[in-house]
Amino acid sequence: MKTVSKTSHFLSVCSANFKRLEKVIDLKTLNDVEILLNRDSSKAKFKIIQKSNHTLILDALYVSPNEILEFSFRLHFYIDAEMVEVISYQNEKPVPFFIKRPMSQSVDEKFQQNRLLTEWLEYIFENGMSPKKYFV
């Protein structure tokens, strides 16, 4: 039986997240985006931090009236490779492979962060009400 490597699965998650984010962020105009979620005043915000010809770095934020529920991602958007990778979640980066991992981070921390992004984007598509676009 042929098995799929962890790397292959990780790359497919990053590629699928690119397709999802491409629906939210217009690559032609490169605008910041704000989406109202449900009717409880919570929002998904996507703010472009840095851009070049082939990559974008952006902050993805969930803003809620209940501050304890808020979270943030920093994303690296590879335009040519059509992939999006989580750089950090809650401003905490995964520990590099050559450093002994602290007890606070699991071995597959990076994969978990990218999977959480997938689930959050799915939530946005199911519950998003109105995009508000702002020029950069």
N, C-alpha and C. Protein backbone atom coordinates (compact mmCIF):
# COMPACT_ATOMS: atom_id res chain seq x y z
N MET A 1 0.83 -1.19 0.00
CA MET A 1 0.00 0.00 0.00
C MET A 1 0.87 1.25 0.00
N LYS A 2 0.58 2.17 -0.88
CA LYS A 2 1.35 3.41 -0.99
C LYS A 2 0.87 4.41 0.05
N THR A 3 1.81 4.99 0.79
CA THR A 3 1.46 5.98 1.80
C THR A 3 1.92 7.36 1.33
N VAL A 4 1.24 8.38 1.79
CA VAL A 4 1.57 9.76 1.45
C VAL A 4 2.50 10.29 2.53
N SER A 5 3.58 10.95 2.12
CA SER A 5 4.53 11.49 3.10
C SER A 5 3.92 12.69 3.82
N LYS A 6 4.48 12.97 5.00
CA LYS A 6 4.01 14.13 5.76
C LYS A 6 4.26 15.42 4.99
N THR A 7 5.38 15.49 4.28
CA THR A 7 5.70 16.68 3.50
C THR A 7 4.67 16.90 2.40
N SER A 8 4.32 15.83 1.72
CA SER A 8 3.34 15.93 0.64
C SER A 8 1.99 16.41 1.18
N HIS A 9 1.59 15.88 2.33
CA HIS A 9 0.32 16.29 2.93
C HIS A 9 0.39 17.76 3.36
N PHE A 10 1.51 18.18 3.95
CA PHE A 10 1.68 19.56 4.38
C PHE A 10 1.59 20.50 3.18
N LEU A 11 2.25 20.15 2.08
CA LEU A 11 2.22 20.98 0.87
C LEU A 11 0.81 21.07 0.29
N SER A 12 0.06 19.99 0.35
CA SER A 12 -1.31 20.03 -0.17
C SER A 12 -2.19 20.92 0.70
N VAL A 13 -1.97 20.93 2.03
CA VAL A 13 -2.73 21.83 2.91
C VAL A 13 -2.39 23.28 2.59
N CYS A 14 -1.10 23.59 2.40
CA CYS A 14 -0.68 24.96 2.07
C CYS A 14 -1.24 25.39 0.71
N SER A 15 -1.27 24.48 -0.24
CA SER A 15 -1.81 24.78 -1.56
C SER A 15 -3.32 25.02 -1.51
N ALA A 16 -4.02 24.21 -0.74
CA ALA A 16 -5.47 24.39 -0.59
C ALA A 16 -5.79 25.70 0.12
N ASN A 17 -4.96 26.08 1.10
CA ASN A 17 -5.16 27.35 1.79
C ASN A 17 -4.94 28.53 0.84
N PHE A 18 -4.02 28.39 -0.11
CA PHE A 18 -3.83 29.43 -1.12
C PHE A 18 -5.12 29.63 -1.91
N LYS A 19 -5.73 28.54 -2.35
CA LYS A 19 -6.97 28.62 -3.13
C LYS A 19 -8.08 29.28 -2.31
N ARG A 20 -8.14 28.96 -1.02
CA ARG A 20 -9.16 29.56 -0.16
C ARG A 20 -8.91 31.06 0.01
N LEU A 21 -7.66 31.42 0.29
CA LEU A 21 -7.34 32.84 0.51
C LEU A 21 -7.44 33.66 -0.76
N GLU A 22 -7.21 33.02 -1.89
CA GLU A 22 -7.33 33.72 -3.17
C GLU A 22 -8.75 34.23 -3.39
N LYS A 23 -9.73 33.55 -2.79
CA LYS A 23 -11.12 33.99 -2.88
C LYS A 23 -11.38 35.22 -2.01
N VAL A 24 -10.55 35.39 -0.97
CA VAL A 24 -10.73 36.50 -0.04
C VAL A 24 -9.89 37.71 -0.46
N ILE A 25 -8.64 37.47 -0.84
CA ILE A 25 -7.71 38.55 -1.20
C ILE A 25 -7.60 38.62 -2.71
N ASP A 26 -7.87 39.77 -3.26
CA ASP A 26 -7.76 39.97 -4.70
C ASP A 26 -6.29 40.23 -5.05
N LEU A 27 -5.66 39.29 -5.72
CA LEU A 27 -4.23 39.40 -6.04
C LEU A 27 -3.94 40.50 -7.07
N LYS A 28 -4.94 40.92 -7.81
CA LYS A 28 -4.72 41.97 -8.81
C LYS A 28 -4.63 43.35 -8.17
N THR A 29 -5.48 43.62 -7.19
CA THR A 29 -5.49 44.95 -6.57
C THR A 29 -4.77 44.98 -5.23
N LEU A 30 -4.58 43.82 -4.60
CA LEU A 30 -3.90 43.72 -3.31
C LEU A 30 -4.47 44.67 -2.26
N ASN A 31 -5.74 44.52 -1.98
CA ASN A 31 -6.41 45.32 -0.97
C ASN A 31 -6.46 44.58 0.35
N ASP A 32 -6.48 45.36 1.44
CA ASP A 32 -6.80 44.78 2.74
C ASP A 32 -8.28 44.45 2.74
N VAL A 33 -8.67 43.43 3.51
CA VAL A 33 -10.06 42.98 3.49
C VAL A 33 -10.56 42.83 4.92
N GLU A 34 -11.81 43.20 5.12
CA GLU A 34 -12.48 43.01 6.41
C GLU A 34 -13.83 42.35 6.13
N ILE A 35 -14.11 41.25 6.81
CA ILE A 35 -15.35 40.50 6.58
C ILE A 35 -16.12 40.39 7.89
N LEU A 36 -17.37 40.81 7.87
CA LEU A 36 -18.24 40.68 9.03
C LEU A 36 -18.70 39.23 9.12
N LEU A 37 -18.56 38.62 10.30
CA LEU A 37 -18.96 37.23 10.49
C LEU A 37 -20.20 37.16 11.36
N ASN A 38 -21.15 36.36 10.95
CA ASN A 38 -22.43 36.23 11.65
C ASN A 38 -23.06 37.59 11.85
N ARG A 39 -23.75 37.75 12.92
CA ARG A 39 -24.35 39.06 13.22
C ARG A 39 -23.93 39.54 14.60
N ASP A 40 -22.85 38.97 15.12
CA ASP A 40 -22.42 39.31 16.47
C ASP A 40 -21.24 40.29 16.50
N SER A 41 -21.01 40.99 15.42
CA SER A 41 -19.96 42.00 15.30
C SER A 41 -18.55 41.42 15.28
N SER A 42 -18.38 40.11 15.15
CA SER A 42 -17.03 39.58 14.99
C SER A 42 -16.60 39.75 13.54
N LYS A 43 -15.29 39.88 13.34
CA LYS A 43 -14.77 40.17 12.01
C LYS A 43 -13.53 39.35 11.72
N ALA A 44 -13.32 39.08 10.46
CA ALA A 44 -12.06 38.52 9.97
C ALA A 44 -11.38 39.64 9.20
N LYS A 45 -10.14 39.95 9.57
CA LYS A 45 -9.40 41.02 8.90
C LYS A 45 -8.13 40.45 8.29
N PHE A 46 -7.85 40.87 7.08
CA PHE A 46 -6.64 40.48 6.38
C PHE A 46 -5.91 41.75 5.98
N LYS A 47 -4.74 41.97 6.56
CA LYS A 47 -3.98 43.20 6.34
C LYS A 47 -2.63 42.84 5.73
N ILE A 48 -2.32 43.44 4.60
CA ILE A 48 -1.06 43.18 3.91
C ILE A 48 0.06 43.95 4.61
N ILE A 49 1.09 43.23 5.03
CA ILE A 49 2.22 43.81 5.76
C ILE A 49 3.37 44.14 4.80
N GLN A 50 3.67 43.20 3.91
CA GLN A 50 4.79 43.36 2.99
C GLN A 50 4.44 42.69 1.67
N LYS A 51 4.84 43.29 0.57
CA LYS A 51 4.58 42.67 -0.72
C LYS A 51 5.79 42.81 -1.63
N SER A 52 5.98 41.78 -2.45
CA SER A 52 7.00 41.81 -3.49
C SER A 52 6.37 41.21 -4.74
N ASN A 53 7.15 41.01 -5.77
CA ASN A 53 6.60 40.46 -7.01
C ASN A 53 6.06 39.04 -6.84
N HIS A 54 6.65 38.27 -5.95
CA HIS A 54 6.31 36.86 -5.86
C HIS A 54 5.72 36.43 -4.52
N THR A 55 5.79 37.28 -3.50
CA THR A 55 5.30 36.90 -2.18
C THR A 55 4.56 38.05 -1.51
N LEU A 56 3.73 37.68 -0.56
CA LEU A 56 3.06 38.63 0.32
C LEU A 56 3.22 38.12 1.75
N ILE A 57 3.32 39.03 2.68
CA ILE A 57 3.21 38.67 4.09
C ILE A 57 2.02 39.44 4.60
N LEU A 58 1.09 38.74 5.24
CA LEU A 58 -0.11 39.40 5.72
C LEU A 58 -0.50 38.90 7.09
N ASP A 59 -1.19 39.76 7.81
CA ASP A 59 -1.76 39.40 9.10
C ASP A 59 -3.22 39.04 8.88
N ALA A 60 -3.62 37.93 9.46
CA ALA A 60 -5.02 37.51 9.44
C ALA A 60 -5.49 37.52 10.88
N LEU A 61 -6.51 38.31 11.16
CA LEU A 61 -6.97 38.50 12.53
C LEU A 61 -8.44 38.13 12.66
N TYR A 62 -8.78 37.53 13.78
CA TYR A 62 -10.17 37.32 14.15
C TYR A 62 -10.44 38.28 15.29
N VAL A 63 -11.35 39.23 15.05
CA VAL A 63 -11.68 40.26 16.04
C VAL A 63 -13.09 40.00 16.53
N SER A 64 -13.24 39.91 17.84
CA SER A 64 -14.53 39.57 18.45
C SER A 64 -14.87 40.56 19.55
N PRO A 65 -16.17 40.76 19.82
CA PRO A 65 -16.54 41.60 20.97
C PRO A 65 -15.99 41.01 22.28
N ASN A 66 -15.85 39.69 22.32
CA ASN A 66 -15.26 39.02 23.48
C ASN A 66 -13.77 38.85 23.19
N GLU A 67 -12.93 39.70 23.78
CA GLU A 67 -11.51 39.75 23.45
C GLU A 67 -10.78 38.43 23.70
N ILE A 68 -11.27 37.62 24.59
CA ILE A 68 -10.60 36.36 24.90
C ILE A 68 -10.66 35.37 23.73
N LEU A 69 -11.59 35.57 22.81
CA LEU A 69 -11.72 34.69 21.65
C LEU A 69 -10.87 35.11 20.46
N GLU A 70 -10.25 36.28 20.53
CA GLU A 70 -9.49 36.80 19.40
C GLU A 70 -8.20 36.02 19.18
N PHE A 71 -7.79 35.92 17.91
CA PHE A 71 -6.51 35.29 17.58
C PHE A 71 -5.97 35.89 16.31
N SER A 72 -4.69 35.60 16.03
CA SER A 72 -4.05 36.16 14.84
C SER A 72 -3.06 35.18 14.23
N PHE A 73 -2.95 35.27 12.92
CA PHE A 73 -1.98 34.51 12.15
C PHE A 73 -1.10 35.52 11.41
N ARG A 74 0.15 35.19 11.19
CA ARG A 74 0.98 35.89 10.22
C ARG A 74 1.23 34.87 9.12
N LEU A 75 0.91 35.24 7.88
CA LEU A 75 0.93 34.31 6.76
C LEU A 75 1.95 34.73 5.70
N HIS A 76 2.60 33.74 5.13
CA HIS A 76 3.49 33.96 3.98
C HIS A 76 2.78 33.41 2.76
N PHE A 77 2.49 34.27 1.83
CA PHE A 77 1.69 33.99 0.64
C PHE A 77 2.66 33.88 -0.54
N TYR A 78 2.91 32.67 -1.04
CA TYR A 78 3.81 32.45 -2.17
C TYR A 78 2.97 32.45 -3.45
N ILE A 79 3.02 33.54 -4.21
CA ILE A 79 2.15 33.70 -5.37
C ILE A 79 2.50 32.74 -6.49
N ASP A 80 3.78 32.62 -6.84
CA ASP A 80 4.19 31.75 -7.94
C ASP A 80 3.97 30.26 -7.62
N ALA A 81 4.28 29.86 -6.39
CA ALA A 81 4.13 28.46 -5.99
C ALA A 81 2.68 28.13 -5.63
N GLU A 82 1.84 29.17 -5.51
CA GLU A 82 0.43 29.02 -5.11
C GLU A 82 0.30 28.26 -3.79
N MET A 83 0.99 28.80 -2.79
CA MET A 83 0.94 28.22 -1.44
C MET A 83 0.85 29.34 -0.40
N VAL A 84 0.23 29.02 0.73
CA VAL A 84 0.20 29.91 1.88
C VAL A 84 0.65 29.11 3.08
N GLU A 85 1.60 29.69 3.82
CA GLU A 85 2.14 29.01 5.00
C GLU A 85 2.00 29.92 6.21
N VAL A 86 1.64 29.37 7.35
CA VAL A 86 1.56 30.13 8.58
C VAL A 86 2.98 30.36 9.10
N ILE A 87 3.34 31.63 9.26
CA ILE A 87 4.64 31.98 9.83
C ILE A 87 4.55 31.94 11.35
N SER A 88 3.46 32.50 11.88
CA SER A 88 3.28 32.48 13.33
C SER A 88 1.79 32.52 13.67
N TYR A 89 1.48 31.97 14.82
CA TYR A 89 0.12 32.00 15.36
C TYR A 89 0.21 32.64 16.72
N GLN A 90 -0.58 33.68 16.96
CA GLN A 90 -0.54 34.43 18.21
C GLN A 90 0.88 34.97 18.48
N ASN A 91 1.57 35.34 17.43
CA ASN A 91 2.94 35.87 17.50
C ASN A 91 3.94 34.88 18.08
N GLU A 92 3.61 33.60 18.05
CA GLU A 92 4.53 32.57 18.51
C GLU A 92 4.88 31.67 17.33
N LYS A 93 6.15 31.60 17.01
CA LYS A 93 6.61 30.80 15.88
C LYS A 93 6.91 29.37 16.33
N PRO A 94 6.76 28.40 15.42
CA PRO A 94 7.21 27.05 15.76
C PRO A 94 8.72 27.04 15.98
N VAL A 95 9.17 26.20 16.88
CA VAL A 95 10.59 26.10 17.18
C VAL A 95 11.30 25.40 16.02
N PRO A 96 12.44 25.93 15.53
CA PRO A 96 13.17 25.26 14.44
C PRO A 96 13.59 23.84 14.83
N PHE A 97 13.78 23.01 13.82
CA PHE A 97 14.05 21.59 14.05
C PHE A 97 15.35 21.34 14.80
N PHE A 98 16.32 22.25 14.72
CA PHE A 98 17.62 22.01 15.33
C PHE A 98 17.68 22.43 16.81
N ILE A 99 16.61 22.99 17.33
CA ILE A 99 16.54 23.38 18.74
C ILE A 99 15.64 22.40 19.47
N LYS A 100 16.03 22.02 20.68
CA LYS A 100 15.21 21.11 21.47
C LYS A 100 13.85 21.77 21.75
N ARG A 101 12.80 21.06 21.45
CA ARG A 101 11.45 21.61 21.60
C ARG A 101 11.07 21.75 23.08
N PRO A 102 10.48 22.89 23.42
CA PRO A 102 9.98 23.04 24.79
C PRO A 102 8.72 22.19 24.98
N MET A 103 8.36 21.95 26.20
CA MET A 103 7.17 21.14 26.49
C MET A 103 5.89 21.82 25.98
N SER A 104 5.94 23.12 25.76
CA SER A 104 4.75 23.86 25.34
C SER A 104 4.41 23.66 23.87
N GLN A 105 5.32 23.12 23.06
CA GLN A 105 5.05 22.94 21.64
C GLN A 105 5.15 21.47 21.26
N SER A 106 4.23 21.04 20.43
CA SER A 106 4.25 19.66 19.97
C SER A 106 5.15 19.53 18.75
N VAL A 107 5.45 18.30 18.38
CA VAL A 107 6.33 18.02 17.26
C VAL A 107 5.75 18.54 15.94
N ASP A 108 4.44 18.47 15.80
CA ASP A 108 3.79 18.90 14.55
C ASP A 108 3.09 20.25 14.69
N GLU A 109 3.72 21.15 15.45
CA GLU A 109 3.13 22.46 15.71
C GLU A 109 2.83 23.23 14.41
N LYS A 110 3.77 23.21 13.48
CA LYS A 110 3.60 23.94 12.23
C LYS A 110 2.42 23.39 11.43
N PHE A 111 2.29 22.08 11.36
CA PHE A 111 1.17 21.49 10.65
C PHE A 111 -0.15 21.86 11.32
N GLN A 112 -0.19 21.82 12.65
CA GLN A 112 -1.41 22.17 13.38
C GLN A 112 -1.83 23.61 13.10
N GLN A 113 -0.86 24.53 13.04
CA GLN A 113 -1.17 25.93 12.77
C GLN A 113 -1.77 26.09 11.37
N ASN A 114 -1.22 25.40 10.39
CA ASN A 114 -1.75 25.48 9.03
C ASN A 114 -3.13 24.82 8.93
N ARG A 115 -3.34 23.76 9.67
CA ARG A 115 -4.65 23.10 9.68
C ARG A 115 -5.70 24.00 10.34
N LEU A 116 -5.32 24.71 11.40
CA LEU A 116 -6.23 25.65 12.05
C LEU A 116 -6.62 26.78 11.09
N LEU A 117 -5.66 27.24 10.29
CA LEU A 117 -5.97 28.24 9.27
C LEU A 117 -7.01 27.71 8.30
N THR A 118 -6.86 26.46 7.88
CA THR A 118 -7.83 25.84 6.97
C THR A 118 -9.23 25.87 7.58
N GLU A 119 -9.34 25.45 8.82
CA GLU A 119 -10.65 25.40 9.48
C GLU A 119 -11.24 26.80 9.65
N TRP A 120 -10.39 27.79 9.95
CA TRP A 120 -10.89 29.15 10.12
C TRP A 120 -11.37 29.72 8.78
N LEU A 121 -10.65 29.45 7.70
CA LEU A 121 -11.09 29.92 6.39
C LEU A 121 -12.41 29.28 5.99
N GLU A 122 -12.58 28.01 6.29
CA GLU A 122 -13.86 27.35 6.03
C GLU A 122 -14.99 28.02 6.82
N TYR A 123 -14.70 28.38 8.06
CA TYR A 123 -15.69 29.08 8.89
C TYR A 123 -16.06 30.43 8.27
N ILE A 124 -15.06 31.14 7.75
CA ILE A 124 -15.32 32.43 7.11
C ILE A 124 -16.24 32.25 5.90
N PHE A 125 -15.99 31.23 5.08
CA PHE A 125 -16.82 31.02 3.89
C PHE A 125 -18.24 30.64 4.26
N GLU A 126 -18.43 29.94 5.35
CA GLU A 126 -19.77 29.53 5.77
C GLU A 126 -20.53 30.67 6.46
N ASN A 127 -19.81 31.57 7.14
CA ASN A 127 -20.48 32.58 7.97
C ASN A 127 -20.22 34.02 7.58
N GLY A 128 -19.35 34.26 6.61
CA GLY A 128 -19.03 35.63 6.22
C GLY A 128 -20.23 36.32 5.60
N MET A 129 -20.43 37.58 5.95
CA MET A 129 -21.59 38.30 5.47
C MET A 129 -21.26 39.38 4.46
N SER A 130 -20.27 40.20 4.73
CA SER A 130 -20.00 41.31 3.82
C SER A 130 -18.53 41.67 3.83
N PRO A 131 -17.87 41.59 2.69
CA PRO A 131 -16.48 42.06 2.67
C PRO A 131 -16.43 43.57 2.54
N LYS A 132 -15.50 44.19 3.26
CA LYS A 132 -15.24 45.61 3.13
C LYS A 132 -13.80 45.72 2.69
N LYS A 133 -13.56 46.31 1.54
CA LYS A 133 -12.20 46.39 1.02
C LYS A 133 -11.64 47.80 1.22
N TYR A 134 -10.38 47.83 1.63
CA TYR A 134 -9.71 49.10 1.83
C TYR A 134 -8.46 49.10 0.96
N PHE A 135 -8.12 50.23 0.41
CA PHE A 135 -6.93 50.32 -0.44
C PHE A 135 -5.69 50.36 0.43
N VAL A 136 -4.64 49.73 -0.06
CA VAL A 136 -3.35 49.72 0.65
C VAL A 136 -2.59 50.96 0.29
